[in-house]
Amino acid sequence: MRSRYCAYVLELGAYLLSTWHPSTRPRSLELQSTKWLGLTVKQHKQTGDTATVEFVARYKVQGKAHRLQEKSRFVREDGRWFYVDGDIGP
């Protein structure tokens, strides 16, 4: 999760796509101009080759502050973790 957050901060779209599970990966990714302010991992749970991570990411777009809270799902395949999807909200 932290590496994906850093990729958003650094606008590394290719890395984000490479860490996205093929079953849910978009064909392309457009990153808008965003000032990322911080990441807080609230909870994580791993069960075998699946995991969930609940986080809050704070950011600004055009000077307006936003907060993204998501419970993300990950799966490990061949020793690599992939983002599958997530539920946005509290």
C-alpha atoms as a PDB file:
ATOM      1  CA  MET A   1       0.000   0.000   0.000  1.00  0.00           C
ATOM      2  CA  ARG A   2       2.729   2.460   0.919  1.00  0.00           C
ATOM      3  CA  SER A   3       4.584   1.831  -2.331  1.00  0.00           C
ATOM      4  CA  ARG A   4       1.415   2.542  -4.319  1.00  0.00           C
ATOM      5  CA  TYR A   5       0.864   5.770  -2.373  1.00  0.00           C
ATOM      6  CA  CYS A   6       4.451   6.825  -3.163  1.00  0.00           C
ATOM      7  CA  ALA A   7       3.815   6.011  -6.820  1.00  0.00           C
ATOM      8  CA  TYR A   8       0.821   8.357  -6.802  1.00  0.00           C
ATOM      9  CA  VAL A   9       2.948  11.069  -5.177  1.00  0.00           C
ATOM     10  CA  LEU A  10       5.674  10.619  -7.820  1.00  0.00           C
ATOM     11  CA  GLU A  11       3.131  10.150 -10.645  1.00  0.00           C
ATOM     12  CA  LEU A  12       4.531   6.733 -11.583  1.00  0.00           C
ATOM     13  CA  GLY A  13       1.579   5.447 -13.578  1.00  0.00           C
ATOM     14  CA  ALA A  14       3.482   2.484 -15.036  1.00  0.00           C
ATOM     15  CA  TYR A  15       4.315   1.233 -11.538  1.00  0.00           C
ATOM     16  CA  LEU A  16       0.715   1.612 -10.399  1.00  0.00           C
ATOM     17  CA  LEU A  17      -0.507  -0.423 -13.354  1.00  0.00           C
ATOM     18  CA  SER A  18       2.148  -3.102 -12.765  1.00  0.00           C
ATOM     19  CA  THR A  19       0.979  -3.549  -9.149  1.00  0.00           C
ATOM     20  CA  TRP A  20      -2.714  -3.730 -10.123  1.00  0.00           C
ATOM     21  CA  HIS A  21      -4.175  -7.215 -10.505  1.00  0.00           C
ATOM     22  CA  PRO A  22      -4.824  -8.051 -14.189  1.00  0.00           C
ATOM     23  CA  SER A  23      -8.467  -8.951 -13.452  1.00  0.00           C
ATOM     24  CA  THR A  24      -9.290  -5.367 -12.404  1.00  0.00           C
ATOM     25  CA  ARG A  25      -6.449  -3.328 -13.961  1.00  0.00           C
ATOM     26  CA  PRO A  26      -7.548  -0.431 -16.177  1.00  0.00           C
ATOM     27  CA  ARG A  27      -6.013  -0.218 -19.650  1.00  0.00           C
ATOM     28  CA  SER A  28      -4.536   3.161 -18.847  1.00  0.00           C
ATOM     29  CA  LEU A  29      -4.304   5.535 -15.936  1.00  0.00           C
ATOM     30  CA  GLU A  30      -4.549   9.305 -16.067  1.00  0.00           C
ATOM     31  CA  LEU A  31      -2.978  10.965 -13.059  1.00  0.00           C
ATOM     32  CA  GLN A  32      -4.179  14.490 -12.406  1.00  0.00           C
ATOM     33  CA  SER A  33      -2.057  17.173 -10.833  1.00  0.00           C
ATOM     34  CA  THR A  34      -2.412  16.372  -7.142  1.00  0.00           C
ATOM     35  CA  LYS A  35      -0.488  17.496  -4.075  1.00  0.00           C
ATOM     36  CA  TRP A  36      -0.405  14.515  -1.752  1.00  0.00           C
ATOM     37  CA  LEU A  37      -0.205  15.470   1.924  1.00  0.00           C
ATOM     38  CA  GLY A  38      -0.004  12.177   3.797  1.00  0.00           C
ATOM     39  CA  LEU A  39      -1.020   8.579   4.277  1.00  0.00           C
ATOM     40  CA  THR A  40      -2.310   6.929   7.426  1.00  0.00           C
ATOM     41  CA  VAL A  41      -2.738   3.167   7.458  1.00  0.00           C
ATOM     42  CA  LYS A  42      -5.561   2.582   9.919  1.00  0.00           C
ATOM     43  CA  GLN A  43      -5.733  -1.200   9.791  1.00  0.00           C
ATOM     44  CA  HIS A  44      -4.360  -4.147   7.852  1.00  0.00           C
ATOM     45  CA  LYS A  45      -5.098  -7.846   7.896  1.00  0.00           C
ATOM     46  CA  GLN A  46      -3.436 -10.686   6.037  1.00  0.00           C
ATOM     47  CA  THR A  47      -4.950 -14.127   5.632  1.00  0.00           C
ATOM     48  CA  GLY A  48      -2.734 -16.380   3.556  1.00  0.00           C
ATOM     49  CA  ASP A  49      -2.406 -14.857   0.109  1.00  0.00           C
ATOM     50  CA  THR A  50      -5.065 -12.177   0.585  1.00  0.00           C
ATOM     51  CA  ALA A  51      -4.950  -8.956   2.556  1.00  0.00           C
ATOM     52  CA  THR A  52      -6.986  -5.866   3.290  1.00  0.00           C
ATOM     53  CA  VAL A  53      -5.610  -2.441   4.106  1.00  0.00           C
ATOM     54  CA  GLU A  54      -7.741   0.413   5.405  1.00  0.00           C
ATOM     55  CA  PHE A  55      -6.130   3.800   4.899  1.00  0.00           C
ATOM     56  CA  VAL A  56      -6.726   7.524   4.745  1.00  0.00           C
ATOM     57  CA  ALA A  57      -4.862   9.604   2.171  1.00  0.00           C
ATOM     58  CA  ARG A  58      -4.978  13.391   2.324  1.00  0.00           C
ATOM     59  CA  TYR A  59      -4.404  15.523  -0.768  1.00  0.00           C
ATOM     60  CA  LYS A  60      -5.101  18.833  -2.482  1.00  0.00           C
ATOM     61  CA  VAL A  61      -6.391  19.512  -5.982  1.00  0.00           C
ATOM     62  CA  GLN A  62      -6.380  23.107  -7.178  1.00  0.00           C
ATOM     63  CA  GLY A  63      -5.789  24.251  -3.600  1.00  0.00           C
ATOM     64  CA  LYS A  64      -8.812  22.406  -2.191  1.00  0.00           C
ATOM     65  CA  ALA A  65      -8.154  19.758   0.492  1.00  0.00           C
ATOM     66  CA  HIS A  66      -9.601  16.262   0.153  1.00  0.00           C
ATOM     67  CA  ARG A  67      -9.531  13.053   2.127  1.00  0.00           C
ATOM     68  CA  LEU A  68      -9.752   9.575   0.631  1.00  0.00           C
ATOM     69  CA  GLN A  69     -10.594   6.678   2.930  1.00  0.00           C
ATOM     70  CA  GLU A  70     -10.538   3.228   1.389  1.00  0.00           C
ATOM     71  CA  LYS A  71     -10.490  -0.413   2.408  1.00  0.00           C
ATOM     72  CA  SER A  72      -8.323  -2.005  -0.273  1.00  0.00           C
ATOM     73  CA  ARG A  73      -8.083  -5.661  -1.174  1.00  0.00           C
ATOM     74  CA  PHE A  74      -4.809  -7.273  -2.252  1.00  0.00           C
ATOM     75  CA  VAL A  75      -3.827 -10.736  -3.461  1.00  0.00           C
ATOM     76  CA  ARG A  76      -0.406 -12.364  -3.579  1.00  0.00           C
ATOM     77  CA  GLU A  77       0.518 -14.332  -6.689  1.00  0.00           C
ATOM     78  CA  ASP A  78       3.951 -15.803  -7.356  1.00  0.00           C
ATOM     79  CA  GLY A  79       5.291 -13.922  -4.352  1.00  0.00           C
ATOM     80  CA  ARG A  80       4.053 -10.485  -5.530  1.00  0.00           C
ATOM     81  CA  TRP A  81       1.234  -8.464  -4.000  1.00  0.00           C
ATOM     82  CA  PHE A  82      -1.341  -6.940  -6.359  1.00  0.00           C
ATOM     83  CA  TYR A  83      -4.057  -4.365  -5.667  1.00  0.00           C
ATOM     84  CA  VAL A  84      -7.430  -5.866  -6.603  1.00  0.00           C
ATOM     85  CA  ASP A  85     -10.024  -3.250  -5.645  1.00  0.00           C
ATOM     86  CA  GLY A  86     -11.366  -1.270  -2.744  1.00  0.00           C
ATOM     87  CA  ASP A  87     -14.381   0.195  -1.020  1.00  0.00           C
ATOM     88  CA  ILE A  88     -14.335   3.967  -0.566  1.00  0.00           C
ATOM     89  CA  GLY A  89     -15.823   5.517   2.525  1.00  0.00           C
ATOM     90  CA  PRO A  90     -15.698   5.424   6.283  1.00  0.00           C
END
